[in-house]
Amino acid sequence: MEIVINGQTREARDGQSVLALLEELGLDPGRLALELDGRILKQKLWGETALHPGARLEIVHFVGGG
């Protein structure tokens, strides 16, 4: 199925969880915030939230420094 991540179309497995997608992308969930279909999705729900065709994800990486 097609989803949109940060404005770019990408293929994902039917029913794939948000957390599984992040792991597939090699992203560290501890350093991310994300929005699904225009709403902030709490990190504790990522493992149980399934993606759907046309889902729109915005992923923000936290960067430390000083």
PDB file of N, CA and C in Angstrom:
ATOM      1  N   MET A   1       0.848  -1.179   0.000  1.00  0.00           N
ATOM      2  CA  MET A   1       0.000   0.000   0.000  1.00  0.00           C
ATOM      3  C   MET A   1       0.890   1.236   0.000  1.00  0.00           C
ATOM      4  N   GLU A   2       0.340   2.334  -0.477  1.00  0.00           N
ATOM      5  CA  GLU A   2       1.097   3.586  -0.502  1.00  0.00           C
ATOM      6  C   GLU A   2       0.756   4.449   0.705  1.00  0.00           C
ATOM      7  N   ILE A   3       1.799   5.017   1.299  1.00  0.00           N
ATOM      8  CA  ILE A   3       1.655   6.001   2.366  1.00  0.00           C
ATOM      9  C   ILE A   3       2.544   7.190   1.992  1.00  0.00           C
ATOM     10  N   VAL A   4       2.421   8.275   2.753  1.00  0.00           N
ATOM     11  CA  VAL A   4       3.241   9.459   2.500  1.00  0.00           C
ATOM     12  C   VAL A   4       4.022   9.774   3.773  1.00  0.00           C
ATOM     13  N   ILE A   5       5.359   9.860   3.630  1.00  0.00           N
ATOM     14  CA  ILE A   5       6.223  10.186   4.758  1.00  0.00           C
ATOM     15  C   ILE A   5       6.948  11.484   4.429  1.00  0.00           C
ATOM     16  N   ASN A   6       6.700  12.493   5.241  1.00  0.00           N
ATOM     17  CA  ASN A   6       7.330  13.806   5.043  1.00  0.00           C
ATOM     18  C   ASN A   6       7.201  14.271   3.593  1.00  0.00           C
ATOM     19  N   GLY A   7       6.015  14.067   3.026  1.00  0.00           N
ATOM     20  CA  GLY A   7       5.718  14.556   1.688  1.00  0.00           C
ATOM     21  C   GLY A   7       6.120  13.638   0.547  1.00  0.00           C
ATOM     22  N   GLN A   8       6.746  12.493   0.852  1.00  0.00           N
ATOM     23  CA  GLN A   8       7.181  11.581  -0.204  1.00  0.00           C
ATOM     24  C   GLN A   8       6.419  10.265  -0.123  1.00  0.00           C
ATOM     25  N   THR A   9       5.945   9.798  -1.264  1.00  0.00           N
ATOM     26  CA  THR A   9       5.196   8.554  -1.323  1.00  0.00           C
ATOM     27  C   THR A   9       6.138   7.372  -1.122  1.00  0.00           C
ATOM     28  N   ARG A  10       5.664   6.386  -0.369  1.00  0.00           N
ATOM     29  CA  ARG A  10       6.463   5.192  -0.050  1.00  0.00           C
ATOM     30  C   ARG A  10       5.531   3.995   0.079  1.00  0.00           C
ATOM     31  N   GLU A  11       6.046   2.826  -0.207  1.00  0.00           N
ATOM     32  CA  GLU A  11       5.286   1.590  -0.032  1.00  0.00           C
ATOM     33  C   GLU A  11       5.439   1.100   1.407  1.00  0.00           C
ATOM     34  N   ALA A  12       4.365   0.531   1.950  1.00  0.00           N
ATOM     35  CA  ALA A  12       4.386  -0.084   3.278  1.00  0.00           C
ATOM     36  C   ALA A  12       3.530  -1.340   3.213  1.00  0.00           C
ATOM     37  N   ARG A  13       3.760  -2.245   4.144  1.00  0.00           N
ATOM     38  CA  ARG A  13       2.962  -3.479   4.201  1.00  0.00           C
ATOM     39  C   ARG A  13       1.578  -3.177   4.759  1.00  0.00           C
ATOM     40  N   ASP A  14       0.567  -3.865   4.255  1.00  0.00           N
ATOM     41  CA  ASP A  14      -0.789  -3.708   4.777  1.00  0.00           C
ATOM     42  C   ASP A  14      -0.798  -4.003   6.274  1.00  0.00           C
ATOM     43  N   GLY A  15      -1.387  -3.114   7.048  1.00  0.00           N
ATOM     44  CA  GLY A  15      -1.520  -3.310   8.483  1.00  0.00           C
ATOM     45  C   GLY A  15      -0.238  -3.131   9.276  1.00  0.00           C
ATOM     46  N   GLN A  16       0.839  -2.691   8.639  1.00  0.00           N
ATOM     47  CA  GLN A  16       2.107  -2.495   9.334  1.00  0.00           C
ATOM     48  C   GLN A  16       1.940  -1.443  10.419  1.00  0.00           C
ATOM     49  N   SER A  17       2.542  -1.691  11.580  1.00  0.00           N
ATOM     50  CA  SER A  17       2.455  -0.705  12.654  1.00  0.00           C
ATOM     51  C   SER A  17       3.428   0.436  12.395  1.00  0.00           C
ATOM     52  N   VAL A  18       3.152   1.561  13.004  1.00  0.00           N
ATOM     53  CA  VAL A  18       4.043   2.722  12.902  1.00  0.00           C
ATOM     54  C   VAL A  18       5.425   2.344  13.411  1.00  0.00           C
ATOM     55  N   LEU A  19       5.490   1.641  14.542  1.00  0.00           N
ATOM     56  CA  LEU A  19       6.778   1.257  15.119  1.00  0.00           C
ATOM     57  C   LEU A  19       7.555   0.334  14.173  1.00  0.00           C
ATOM     58  N   ALA A  20       6.886  -0.627  13.556  1.00  0.00           N
ATOM     59  CA  ALA A  20       7.554  -1.532  12.616  1.00  0.00           C
ATOM     60  C   ALA A  20       8.109  -0.765  11.420  1.00  0.00           C
ATOM     61  N   LEU A  21       7.375   0.225  10.949  1.00  0.00           N
ATOM     62  CA  LEU A  21       7.856   1.046   9.838  1.00  0.00           C
ATOM     63  C   LEU A  21       9.109   1.815  10.240  1.00  0.00           C
ATOM     64  N   LEU A  22       9.101   2.408  11.426  1.00  0.00           N
ATOM     65  CA  LEU A  22      10.267   3.166  11.892  1.00  0.00           C
ATOM     66  C   LEU A  22      11.486   2.263  12.003  1.00  0.00           C
ATOM     67  N   GLU A  23      11.287   1.046  12.512  1.00  0.00           N
ATOM     68  CA  GLU A  23      12.386   0.093  12.630  1.00  0.00           C
ATOM     69  C   GLU A  23      12.905  -0.278  11.241  1.00  0.00           C
ATOM     70  N   GLU A  24      11.989  -0.488  10.296  1.00  0.00           N
ATOM     71  CA  GLU A  24      12.370  -0.813   8.921  1.00  0.00           C
ATOM     72  C   GLU A  24      13.192   0.313   8.294  1.00  0.00           C
ATOM     73  N   LEU A  25      12.862   1.542   8.650  1.00  0.00           N
ATOM     74  CA  LEU A  25      13.582   2.703   8.133  1.00  0.00           C
ATOM     75  C   LEU A  25      14.901   2.958   8.864  1.00  0.00           C
ATOM     76  N   GLY A  26      15.152   2.192   9.940  1.00  0.00           N
ATOM     77  CA  GLY A  26      16.385   2.351  10.700  1.00  0.00           C
ATOM     78  C   GLY A  26      16.401   3.583  11.581  1.00  0.00           C
ATOM     79  N   LEU A  27      15.221   4.034  11.994  1.00  0.00           N
ATOM     80  CA  LEU A  27      15.118   5.236  12.826  1.00  0.00           C
ATOM     81  C   LEU A  27      15.011   4.864  14.298  1.00  0.00           C
ATOM     82  N   ASP A  28      15.666   5.637  15.150  1.00  0.00           N
ATOM     83  CA  ASP A  28      15.646   5.432  16.595  1.00  0.00           C
ATOM     84  C   ASP A  28      14.387   6.072  17.169  1.00  0.00           C
ATOM     85  N   PRO A  29      13.417   5.267  17.613  1.00  0.00           N
ATOM     86  CA  PRO A  29      12.155   5.819  18.120  1.00  0.00           C
ATOM     87  C   PRO A  29      12.331   6.776  19.302  1.00  0.00           C
ATOM     88  N   GLY A  30      13.414   6.622  20.046  1.00  0.00           N
ATOM     89  CA  GLY A  30      13.651   7.480  21.198  1.00  0.00           C
ATOM     90  C   GLY A  30      13.998   8.916  20.833  1.00  0.00           C
ATOM     91  N   ARG A  31      14.294   9.162  19.567  1.00  0.00           N
ATOM     92  CA  ARG A  31      14.708  10.500  19.143  1.00  0.00           C
ATOM     93  C   ARG A  31      13.746  11.090  18.119  1.00  0.00           C
ATOM     94  N   LEU A  32      12.491  10.630  18.154  1.00  0.00           N
ATOM     95  CA  LEU A  32      11.516  11.055  17.148  1.00  0.00           C
ATOM     96  C   LEU A  32      10.234  11.573  17.771  1.00  0.00           C
ATOM     97  N   ALA A  33       9.562  12.395  17.007  1.00  0.00           N
ATOM     98  CA  ALA A  33       8.169  12.766  17.273  1.00  0.00           C
ATOM     99  C   ALA A  33       7.469  12.580  15.940  1.00  0.00           C
ATOM    100  N   LEU A  34       6.202  12.190  15.972  1.00  0.00           N
ATOM    101  CA  LEU A  34       5.520  12.037  14.697  1.00  0.00           C
ATOM    102  C   LEU A  34       4.056  12.387  14.764  1.00  0.00           C
ATOM    103  N   GLU A  35       3.601  12.719  13.578  1.00  0.00           N
ATOM    104  CA  GLU A  35       2.216  13.111  13.363  1.00  0.00           C
ATOM    105  C   GLU A  35       1.652  12.141  12.320  1.00  0.00           C
ATOM    106  N   LEU A  36       0.469  11.615  12.589  1.00  0.00           N
ATOM    107  CA  LEU A  36      -0.204  10.718  11.659  1.00  0.00           C
ATOM    108  C   LEU A  36      -1.517  11.370  11.250  1.00  0.00           C
ATOM    109  N   ASP A  37      -1.658  11.613   9.969  1.00  0.00           N
ATOM    110  CA  ASP A  37      -2.873  12.228   9.420  1.00  0.00           C
ATOM    111  C   ASP A  37      -3.249  13.526  10.133  1.00  0.00           C
ATOM    112  N   GLY A  38      -2.218  14.343  10.414  1.00  0.00           N
ATOM    113  CA  GLY A  38      -2.457  15.659  10.984  1.00  0.00           C
ATOM    114  C   GLY A  38      -2.607  15.702  12.494  1.00  0.00           C
ATOM    115  N   ARG A  39      -2.426  14.552  13.166  1.00  0.00           N
ATOM    116  CA  ARG A  39      -2.550  14.520  14.629  1.00  0.00           C
ATOM    117  C   ARG A  39      -1.299  13.915  15.239  1.00  0.00           C
ATOM    118  N   ILE A  40      -0.825  14.513  16.307  1.00  0.00           N
ATOM    119  CA  ILE A  40       0.342  13.977  17.003  1.00  0.00           C
ATOM    120  C   ILE A  40      -0.017  12.605  17.568  1.00  0.00           C
ATOM    121  N   LEU A  41       0.873  11.641  17.346  1.00  0.00           N
ATOM    122  CA  LEU A  41       0.651  10.281  17.839  1.00  0.00           C
ATOM    123  C   LEU A  41       1.629  10.024  18.979  1.00  0.00           C
ATOM    124  N   LYS A  42       1.094   9.733  20.155  1.00  0.00           N
ATOM    125  CA  LYS A  42       1.943   9.487  21.320  1.00  0.00           C
ATOM    126  C   LYS A  42       2.776   8.232  21.099  1.00  0.00           C
ATOM    127  N   GLN A  43       4.013   8.294  21.559  1.00  0.00           N
ATOM    128  CA  GLN A  43       4.961   7.208  21.334  1.00  0.00           C
ATOM    129  C   GLN A  43       4.451   5.874  21.883  1.00  0.00           C
ATOM    130  N   LYS A  44       3.739   5.880  22.986  1.00  0.00           N
ATOM    131  CA  LYS A  44       3.256   4.625  23.566  1.00  0.00           C
ATOM    132  C   LYS A  44       2.246   3.909  22.655  1.00  0.00           C
ATOM    133  N   LEU A  45       1.700   4.609  21.651  1.00  0.00           N
ATOM    134  CA  LEU A  45       0.730   4.014  20.738  1.00  0.00           C
ATOM    135  C   LEU A  45       1.340   3.534  19.422  1.00  0.00           C
ATOM    136  N   TRP A  46       2.616   3.802  19.194  1.00  0.00           N
ATOM    137  CA  TRP A  46       3.232   3.480  17.907  1.00  0.00           C
ATOM    138  C   TRP A  46       3.169   1.993  17.574  1.00  0.00           C
ATOM    139  N   GLY A  47       3.356   1.128  18.563  1.00  0.00           N
ATOM    140  CA  GLY A  47       3.358  -0.313  18.323  1.00  0.00           C
ATOM    141  C   GLY A  47       1.996  -0.885  18.004  1.00  0.00           C
ATOM    142  N   GLU A  48       0.956  -0.212  18.449  1.00  0.00           N
ATOM    143  CA  GLU A  48      -0.399  -0.734  18.243  1.00  0.00           C
ATOM    144  C   GLU A  48      -1.194   0.026  17.178  1.00  0.00           C
ATOM    145  N   THR A  49      -0.586   1.040  16.587  1.00  0.00           N
ATOM    146  CA  THR A  49      -1.270   1.824  15.559  1.00  0.00           C
ATOM    147  C   THR A  49      -0.883   1.315  14.182  1.00  0.00           C
ATOM    148  N   ALA A  50      -1.869   0.786  13.463  1.00  0.00           N
ATOM    149  CA  ALA A  50      -1.626   0.242  12.121  1.00  0.00           C
ATOM    150  C   ALA A  50      -1.759   1.343  11.076  1.00  0.00           C
ATOM    151  N   LEU A  51      -0.886   1.289  10.102  1.00  0.00           N
ATOM    152  CA  LEU A  51      -0.962   2.218   8.980  1.00  0.00           C
ATOM    153  C   LEU A  51      -2.073   1.787   8.029  1.00  0.00           C
ATOM    154  N   HIS A  52      -2.594   2.719   7.290  1.00  0.00           N
ATOM    155  CA  HIS A  52      -3.665   2.443   6.331  1.00  0.00           C
ATOM    156  C   HIS A  52      -3.287   3.075   4.998  1.00  0.00           C
ATOM    157  N   PRO A  53      -3.872   2.607   3.897  1.00  0.00           N
ATOM    158  CA  PRO A  53      -3.555   3.201   2.598  1.00  0.00           C
ATOM    159  C   PRO A  53      -3.799   4.710   2.627  1.00  0.00           C
ATOM    160  N   GLY A  54      -2.819   5.459   2.139  1.00  0.00           N
ATOM    161  CA  GLY A  54      -2.932   6.914   2.094  1.00  0.00           C
ATOM    162  C   GLY A  54      -2.546   7.617   3.383  1.00  0.00           C
ATOM    163  N   ALA A  55      -2.097   6.845   4.400  1.00  0.00           N
ATOM    164  CA  ALA A  55      -1.688   7.464   5.667  1.00  0.00           C
ATOM    165  C   ALA A  55      -0.601   8.504   5.392  1.00  0.00           C
ATOM    166  N   ARG A  56      -0.671   9.603   6.140  1.00  0.00           N
ATOM    167  CA  ARG A  56       0.310  10.678   5.980  1.00  0.00           C
ATOM    168  C   ARG A  56       1.076  10.832   7.294  1.00  0.00           C
ATOM    169  N   LEU A  57       2.373  10.533   7.244  1.00  0.00           N
ATOM    170  CA  LEU A  57       3.235  10.642   8.414  1.00  0.00           C
ATOM    171  C   LEU A  57       4.187  11.816   8.251  1.00  0.00           C
ATOM    172  N   GLU A  58       4.339  12.561   9.317  1.00  0.00           N
ATOM    173  CA  GLU A  58       5.379  13.586   9.397  1.00  0.00           C
ATOM    174  C   GLU A  58       6.275  13.156  10.546  1.00  0.00           C
ATOM    175  N   ILE A  59       7.548  12.941  10.253  1.00  0.00           N
ATOM    176  CA  ILE A  59       8.500  12.458  11.251  1.00  0.00           C
ATOM    177  C   ILE A  59       9.522  13.554  11.501  1.00  0.00           C
ATOM    178  N   VAL A  60       9.723  13.870  12.787  1.00  0.00           N
ATOM    179  CA  VAL A  60      10.682  14.895  13.192  1.00  0.00           C
ATOM    180  C   VAL A  60      11.744  14.234  14.048  1.00  0.00           C
ATOM    181  N   HIS A  61      13.012  14.472  13.713  1.00  0.00           N
ATOM    182  CA  HIS A  61      14.154  13.949  14.455  1.00  0.00           C
ATOM    183  C   HIS A  61      14.629  14.997  15.442  1.00  0.00           C
ATOM    184  N   PHE A  62      14.849  14.582  16.693  1.00  0.00           N
ATOM    185  CA  PHE A  62      15.450  15.476  17.672  1.00  0.00           C
ATOM    186  C   PHE A  62      16.966  15.370  17.544  1.00  0.00           C
ATOM    187  N   VAL A  63      17.624  16.515  17.516  1.00  0.00           N
ATOM    188  CA  VAL A  63      19.073  16.549  17.390  1.00  0.00           C
ATOM    189  C   VAL A  63      19.632  17.302  18.593  1.00  0.00           C
ATOM    190  N   GLY A  64      20.577  16.671  19.261  1.00  0.00           N
ATOM    191  CA  GLY A  64      21.212  17.311  20.408  1.00  0.00           C
ATOM    192  C   GLY A  64      22.494  17.998  19.986  1.00  0.00           C
ATOM    193  N   GLY A  65      22.935  18.869  20.806  1.00  0.00           N
ATOM    194  CA  GLY A  65      24.202  19.550  20.518  1.00  0.00           C
ATOM    195  C   GLY A  65      24.431  20.666  21.505  1.00  0.00           C
ATOM    196  N   GLY A  66      25.533  21.285  21.380  1.00  0.00           N
ATOM    197  CA  GLY A  66      25.778  22.342  22.323  1.00  0.00           C
ATOM    198  C   GLY A  66      26.934  23.201  21.982  1.00  0.00           C
TER     199      GLY A  66
END
